[in-house]
Amino acid sequence: MVPCTLIRDTYQVDPHLLRTFVTVVRLGSFSAAATELGYTQAAVSQQIATLEADLKATLLNRRPATPTEAGTRLLEHANPILLRLEAARADIARLALAPQGQLKVGVTPLAGVAVAVALAALRQQMPRLDVTLQVRPQPSVTTGVARGDLDIGLVDGLAAPGDSLPLQAPLTGAGVTESEVGVIVPRDHPLATRASVRLADLADARWIDAPDISPLSDIRRVARTDGFRTTLRYEGTDTQTLVALATAAQGLTLLPTGLPTPADSVAIRIGVPPLVHRVELIHGTLRAPSPAAKLAALLR
């Protein structure tokens, strides 16, 4: 049983010890963690021992270095704590710096279109602005904005109408667009003549898992049911390729209905539960008149 002191006292733990613990778990090795962190292996072992003494629990199995039950519980708290500390540092840095002539924007693959018009309007206001637009998976965009690697971000996902997206980062979010979602199937598919479908009725179908575009984990979350087995995993960001795979009967996928689809495919609207594809603006503290603050105002 996990000691009750573990959760109560986590906030008192030295963040350097937490960072060492997380690194050892991620790499599965004390020596590899020492190399990455620039410590000796003995120093890493001592830090883990100090952490275990502080929490009065064994956190890691040795050889190989895997988390115990208590270590797994601590890991659930450690990652958000460390990200929040990095976000605080990034927020202070944003306030301390004067507005720059550069802007780094992170977008998920299906959110990039939403930023195009706003960037064009920003360019008219700041013609000398140097803009970098990076397409990343949602976790990378959220952590990038939280840590200050990105000035602002646009992420997308499935939600009930008007609901915010679940973000694992201490950030401000605001809705930009919402659109209907549909299941992409070949035109000769048995469901192709339906006007709408219940998402839960498709739990036993074969699906394409596209973690960077339409992850099955999101679909299971909004459907509130298990199933949705993976028949093909697409590790890419090109939506046309994903649609082509669904059109070729390689599995179902769920996408915004406004996307262009081939003539031999159909997008069937999800009727139950009520769902939208939501694009959301995320950012930390914005200092006017910085480029990020101006872009946020345009997107809102």
Protein backbone atom coordinates (compact mmCIF):
# COMPACT_ATOMS: atom_id res chain seq x y z
CA MET A 1 0.00 0.00 0.00
CA VAL A 2 1.32 3.48 -0.87
CA PRO A 3 2.09 5.54 2.26
CA CYS A 4 -0.38 8.36 2.78
CA THR A 5 2.54 10.75 3.34
CA LEU A 6 3.61 10.35 -0.30
CA ILE A 7 0.97 12.65 -1.77
CA ARG A 8 0.84 15.06 1.17
CA ASP A 9 4.59 15.69 1.20
CA THR A 10 5.28 15.71 -2.55
CA TYR A 11 5.17 19.51 -2.66
CA GLN A 12 8.08 19.68 -0.17
CA VAL A 13 10.42 17.60 -2.34
CA ASP A 14 13.44 19.26 -3.96
CA PRO A 15 12.59 19.62 -7.67
CA HIS A 16 16.15 18.61 -8.57
CA LEU A 17 15.51 15.25 -6.93
CA LEU A 18 12.22 14.92 -8.79
CA ARG A 19 13.93 15.68 -12.08
CA THR A 20 16.58 13.04 -11.40
CA PHE A 21 13.89 10.49 -10.49
CA VAL A 22 11.89 11.20 -13.67
CA THR A 23 15.04 10.92 -15.80
CA VAL A 24 16.00 7.55 -14.28
CA VAL A 25 12.49 6.21 -14.91
CA ARG A 26 12.43 7.53 -18.48
CA LEU A 27 15.81 6.04 -19.38
CA GLY A 28 15.49 2.93 -17.21
CA SER A 29 19.07 3.29 -16.04
CA PHE A 30 21.02 5.12 -13.32
CA SER A 31 24.10 5.38 -15.53
CA ALA A 32 22.17 6.71 -18.54
CA ALA A 33 20.45 9.28 -16.31
CA ALA A 34 23.84 10.34 -14.91
CA THR A 35 25.18 10.88 -18.43
CA GLU A 36 22.17 12.95 -19.51
CA LEU A 37 22.11 15.07 -16.35
CA GLY A 38 25.87 15.53 -16.15
CA TYR A 39 26.22 13.81 -12.77
CA THR A 40 28.22 10.80 -11.64
CA GLN A 41 26.29 7.56 -11.20
CA ALA A 42 27.04 7.72 -7.48
CA ALA A 43 25.45 11.20 -7.30
CA VAL A 44 22.30 9.95 -9.04
CA SER A 45 22.08 7.00 -6.63
CA GLN A 46 22.49 9.36 -3.68
CA GLN A 47 19.77 11.69 -4.95
CA ILE A 48 17.33 8.79 -5.37
CA ALA A 49 18.22 7.56 -1.89
CA THR A 50 17.57 11.04 -0.48
CA LEU A 51 14.22 11.22 -2.24
CA GLU A 52 13.22 7.79 -0.92
CA ALA A 53 14.26 8.82 2.59
CA ASP A 54 12.24 12.05 2.35
CA LEU A 55 9.10 10.19 1.23
CA LYS A 56 9.72 7.11 3.40
CA ALA A 57 9.06 4.81 0.45
CA THR A 58 11.03 2.71 -2.00
CA LEU A 59 10.51 4.38 -5.37
CA LEU A 60 12.68 2.33 -7.75
CA ASN A 61 13.50 -1.30 -8.31
CA ARG A 62 17.16 -1.76 -9.17
CA ARG A 63 18.51 -3.75 -12.13
CA PRO A 64 16.56 -2.74 -14.13
CA ALA A 65 15.52 0.67 -12.80
CA THR A 66 11.72 0.49 -12.86
CA PRO A 67 9.26 2.34 -10.62
CA THR A 68 7.62 0.59 -7.68
CA GLU A 69 3.95 1.18 -6.91
CA ALA A 70 4.95 4.21 -4.84
CA GLY A 71 7.28 5.36 -7.62
CA THR A 72 4.48 5.10 -10.18
CA ARG A 73 2.26 7.23 -7.96
CA LEU A 74 5.01 9.82 -7.53
CA LEU A 75 5.61 9.89 -11.28
CA GLU A 76 1.97 10.93 -11.83
CA HIS A 77 2.65 14.02 -9.72
CA ALA A 78 6.26 14.68 -10.70
CA ASN A 79 5.72 15.43 -14.39
CA PRO A 80 3.01 18.09 -13.83
CA ILE A 81 5.04 19.63 -10.99
CA LEU A 82 8.18 19.94 -13.11
CA LEU A 83 6.20 21.29 -16.07
CA ARG A 84 4.57 23.90 -13.84
CA LEU A 85 7.98 25.01 -12.57
CA GLU A 86 9.25 25.33 -16.14
CA ALA A 87 6.09 27.25 -17.07
CA ALA A 88 6.65 29.67 -14.17
CA ARG A 89 10.22 30.26 -15.33
CA ALA A 90 9.03 30.82 -18.91
CA ASP A 91 6.30 33.25 -17.79
CA ILE A 92 8.79 35.34 -15.84
CA ALA A 93 11.15 35.33 -18.82
CA ARG A 94 8.34 36.56 -21.08
CA LEU A 95 7.65 39.48 -18.73
CA ALA A 96 11.33 40.36 -18.44
CA LEU A 97 12.03 40.43 -22.15
CA ALA A 98 11.18 43.34 -24.38
CA PRO A 99 8.98 42.60 -27.43
CA GLN A 100 11.08 40.94 -30.09
CA GLY A 101 10.91 40.86 -33.87
CA GLN A 102 10.51 37.09 -33.82
CA LEU A 103 7.54 34.84 -33.23
CA LYS A 104 7.50 31.06 -32.79
CA VAL A 105 4.10 29.46 -33.26
CA GLY A 106 3.33 25.78 -32.65
CA VAL A 107 0.32 24.16 -34.30
CA THR A 108 -1.11 20.67 -34.44
CA PRO A 109 -1.66 19.29 -37.97
CA LEU A 110 -5.37 20.13 -38.11
CA ALA A 111 -5.04 23.54 -36.42
CA GLY A 112 -2.63 25.18 -38.85
CA VAL A 113 -5.33 26.47 -41.22
CA ALA A 114 -6.91 28.50 -38.41
CA VAL A 115 -3.78 30.60 -37.97
CA ALA A 116 -3.14 31.50 -41.62
CA VAL A 117 -5.50 34.51 -41.87
CA ALA A 118 -4.42 35.85 -38.47
CA LEU A 119 -0.75 35.62 -39.45
CA ALA A 120 -1.48 37.53 -42.66
CA ALA A 121 -3.17 40.30 -40.66
CA LEU A 122 -0.27 40.35 -38.18
CA ARG A 123 2.18 40.66 -41.06
CA GLN A 124 0.41 43.86 -42.15
CA GLN A 125 0.88 45.28 -38.64
CA MET A 126 4.48 44.08 -38.29
CA PRO A 127 5.94 43.66 -41.80
CA ARG A 128 9.46 42.94 -40.49
CA LEU A 129 8.34 40.19 -38.15
CA ASP A 130 10.25 36.89 -38.48
CA VAL A 131 7.72 34.06 -38.00
CA THR A 132 8.48 30.38 -37.46
CA LEU A 133 5.53 27.97 -37.71
CA GLN A 134 6.15 24.49 -36.32
CA VAL A 135 3.75 21.56 -36.82
CA ARG A 136 3.88 19.26 -33.80
CA PRO A 137 1.71 16.70 -31.97
CA GLN A 138 -0.53 18.22 -29.31
CA PRO A 139 1.60 17.20 -26.27
CA SER A 140 4.66 18.79 -27.89
CA VAL A 141 2.79 22.04 -28.59
CA THR A 142 1.41 22.31 -25.05
CA THR A 143 4.73 21.55 -23.35
CA GLY A 144 6.58 23.79 -25.83
CA VAL A 145 4.37 26.76 -24.95
CA ALA A 146 4.54 25.99 -21.23
CA ARG A 147 8.34 25.83 -21.28
CA GLY A 148 8.73 28.95 -23.43
CA ASP A 149 10.14 27.14 -26.49
CA LEU A 150 7.07 28.40 -28.37
CA ASP A 151 5.50 31.84 -27.94
CA ILE A 152 1.97 30.69 -28.65
CA GLY A 153 0.19 27.55 -29.80
CA LEU A 154 -2.89 26.25 -31.56
CA VAL A 155 -4.08 22.75 -30.70
CA ASP A 156 -7.09 20.73 -31.79
CA GLY A 157 -9.13 17.79 -30.59
CA LEU A 158 -12.56 16.36 -29.91
CA ALA A 159 -14.89 17.94 -27.36
CA ALA A 160 -18.52 18.48 -26.54
CA PRO A 161 -19.81 21.75 -28.06
CA GLY A 162 -18.52 24.66 -25.98
CA ASP A 163 -16.21 22.53 -23.84
CA SER A 164 -12.49 23.19 -23.58
CA LEU A 165 -9.88 20.64 -24.58
CA PRO A 166 -8.15 18.68 -21.79
CA LEU A 167 -4.64 20.11 -21.64
CA GLN A 168 -1.89 18.68 -19.42
CA ALA A 169 -0.18 22.02 -18.89
CA PRO A 170 -0.68 25.23 -16.85
CA LEU A 171 -1.78 27.40 -19.78
CA THR A 172 -4.52 29.82 -20.75
CA GLY A 173 -6.82 28.44 -23.44
CA ALA A 174 -9.47 30.05 -25.65
CA GLY A 175 -11.62 28.55 -28.37
CA VAL A 176 -10.90 29.64 -31.93
CA THR A 177 -13.14 27.42 -34.08
CA GLU A 178 -15.55 24.51 -33.70
CA SER A 179 -16.77 22.30 -36.56
CA GLU A 180 -18.70 19.06 -37.03
CA VAL A 181 -16.86 15.77 -37.13
CA GLY A 182 -17.53 12.74 -39.28
CA VAL A 183 -16.35 9.19 -39.88
CA ILE A 184 -14.55 8.79 -43.21
CA VAL A 185 -15.63 5.63 -45.07
CA PRO A 186 -15.50 4.42 -48.71
CA ARG A 187 -18.59 5.27 -50.74
CA ASP A 188 -19.46 1.56 -51.02
CA HIS A 189 -19.28 1.05 -47.24
CA PRO A 190 -22.51 -0.29 -45.61
CA LEU A 191 -22.78 2.91 -43.54
CA ALA A 192 -22.24 5.28 -46.46
CA THR A 193 -25.94 6.02 -46.93
CA ARG A 194 -26.48 7.01 -43.30
CA ALA A 195 -26.90 10.69 -42.45
CA SER A 196 -25.40 10.20 -38.99
CA VAL A 197 -24.18 7.46 -36.66
CA ARG A 198 -23.73 6.83 -32.95
CA LEU A 199 -20.04 6.73 -32.14
CA ALA A 200 -20.46 3.90 -29.62
CA ASP A 201 -21.99 1.72 -32.36
CA LEU A 202 -18.63 1.79 -34.14
CA ALA A 203 -16.61 0.52 -31.16
CA ASP A 204 -16.26 -2.96 -32.73
CA ALA A 205 -15.18 -1.64 -36.15
CA ARG A 206 -11.59 -1.55 -37.44
CA TRP A 207 -9.94 1.85 -36.98
CA ILE A 208 -6.85 3.72 -38.07
CA ASP A 209 -4.91 5.10 -35.13
CA ALA A 210 -3.30 8.38 -36.23
CA PRO A 211 -1.82 9.68 -32.94
CA ASP A 212 -0.72 13.02 -34.43
CA ILE A 213 -4.02 13.72 -36.21
CA SER A 214 -6.90 11.61 -34.89
CA PRO A 215 -5.75 9.48 -31.94
CA LEU A 216 -7.94 6.58 -30.88
CA SER A 217 -7.32 7.55 -27.25
CA ASP A 218 -9.32 10.75 -27.89
CA ILE A 219 -12.09 8.81 -29.62
CA ARG A 220 -12.38 6.36 -26.72
CA ARG A 221 -12.44 9.31 -24.30
CA VAL A 222 -15.38 11.06 -25.95
CA ALA A 223 -17.21 7.79 -26.70
CA ARG A 224 -16.79 6.74 -23.05
CA THR A 225 -16.36 3.13 -24.05
CA ASP A 226 -13.59 0.68 -24.84
CA GLY A 227 -13.05 -0.94 -28.21
CA PHE A 228 -12.06 0.96 -31.35
CA ARG A 229 -9.33 -1.56 -32.10
CA THR A 230 -6.39 -0.52 -34.24
CA THR A 231 -6.10 -2.18 -37.63
CA LEU A 232 -3.46 0.26 -38.91
CA ARG A 233 -1.29 2.87 -37.19
CA TYR A 234 -0.44 5.97 -39.21
CA GLU A 235 2.49 7.91 -37.76
CA GLY A 236 2.30 11.01 -39.92
CA THR A 237 0.72 14.44 -40.12
CA ASP A 238 -0.62 14.50 -43.69
CA THR A 239 -4.42 14.47 -43.50
CA GLN A 240 -4.76 13.62 -47.20
CA THR A 241 -2.83 10.40 -46.63
CA LEU A 242 -5.07 9.54 -43.68
CA VAL A 243 -8.21 10.17 -45.74
CA ALA A 244 -6.78 8.08 -48.58
CA LEU A 245 -6.17 5.18 -46.18
CA ALA A 246 -9.76 5.36 -44.91
CA THR A 247 -11.07 5.60 -48.48
CA ALA A 248 -9.09 2.46 -49.34
CA ALA A 249 -10.93 0.59 -46.55
CA GLN A 250 -7.87 0.35 -44.29
CA GLY A 251 -9.96 1.39 -41.30
CA LEU A 252 -12.23 4.16 -40.06
CA THR A 253 -11.02 7.58 -38.98
CA LEU A 254 -12.71 10.60 -37.43
CA LEU A 255 -12.02 14.04 -38.91
CA PRO A 256 -13.63 17.49 -39.29
CA THR A 257 -16.34 17.30 -41.96
CA GLY A 258 -15.04 20.42 -43.72
CA LEU A 259 -11.87 18.71 -44.96
CA PRO A 260 -11.74 17.91 -48.69
CA THR A 261 -12.41 14.23 -49.36
CA PRO A 262 -12.13 12.15 -52.56
CA ALA A 263 -15.23 11.48 -54.64
CA ASP A 264 -15.13 7.81 -53.64
CA SER A 265 -15.38 8.55 -49.88
CA VAL A 266 -18.07 9.85 -47.55
CA ALA A 267 -17.93 11.71 -44.23
CA ILE A 268 -20.77 10.51 -41.98
CA ARG A 269 -21.67 12.94 -39.20
CA ILE A 270 -21.50 11.80 -35.58
CA GLY A 271 -24.96 12.25 -34.11
CA VAL A 272 -24.45 10.86 -30.61
CA PRO A 273 -22.72 12.03 -28.51
CA PRO A 274 -22.76 15.67 -29.65
CA LEU A 275 -19.20 16.28 -30.78
CA VAL A 276 -17.16 19.04 -32.37
CA HIS A 277 -13.64 19.36 -33.63
CA ARG A 278 -12.29 22.26 -31.57
CA VAL A 279 -9.26 24.42 -32.32
CA GLU A 280 -7.96 26.19 -29.22
CA LEU A 281 -5.44 28.98 -28.69
CA ILE A 282 -3.02 28.31 -25.81
CA HIS A 283 -0.47 30.64 -24.26
CA GLY A 284 1.25 31.68 -21.06
CA THR A 285 1.48 35.28 -19.87
CA LEU A 286 1.34 37.64 -22.86
CA ARG A 287 2.94 41.05 -22.70
CA ALA A 288 1.49 43.71 -25.00
CA PRO A 289 2.52 44.79 -27.56
CA SER A 290 4.49 41.59 -28.21
CA PRO A 291 3.89 39.70 -31.50
CA ALA A 292 2.36 36.80 -29.51
CA ALA A 293 -0.12 39.15 -27.80
CA LYS A 294 -1.08 40.72 -31.12
CA LEU A 295 -1.57 37.29 -32.74
CA ALA A 296 -3.67 36.11 -29.79
CA ALA A 297 -5.91 39.16 -30.14
CA LEU A 298 -6.36 38.47 -33.85
CA LEU A 299 -7.18 34.81 -33.25
CA ARG A 300 -9.74 35.65 -30.57
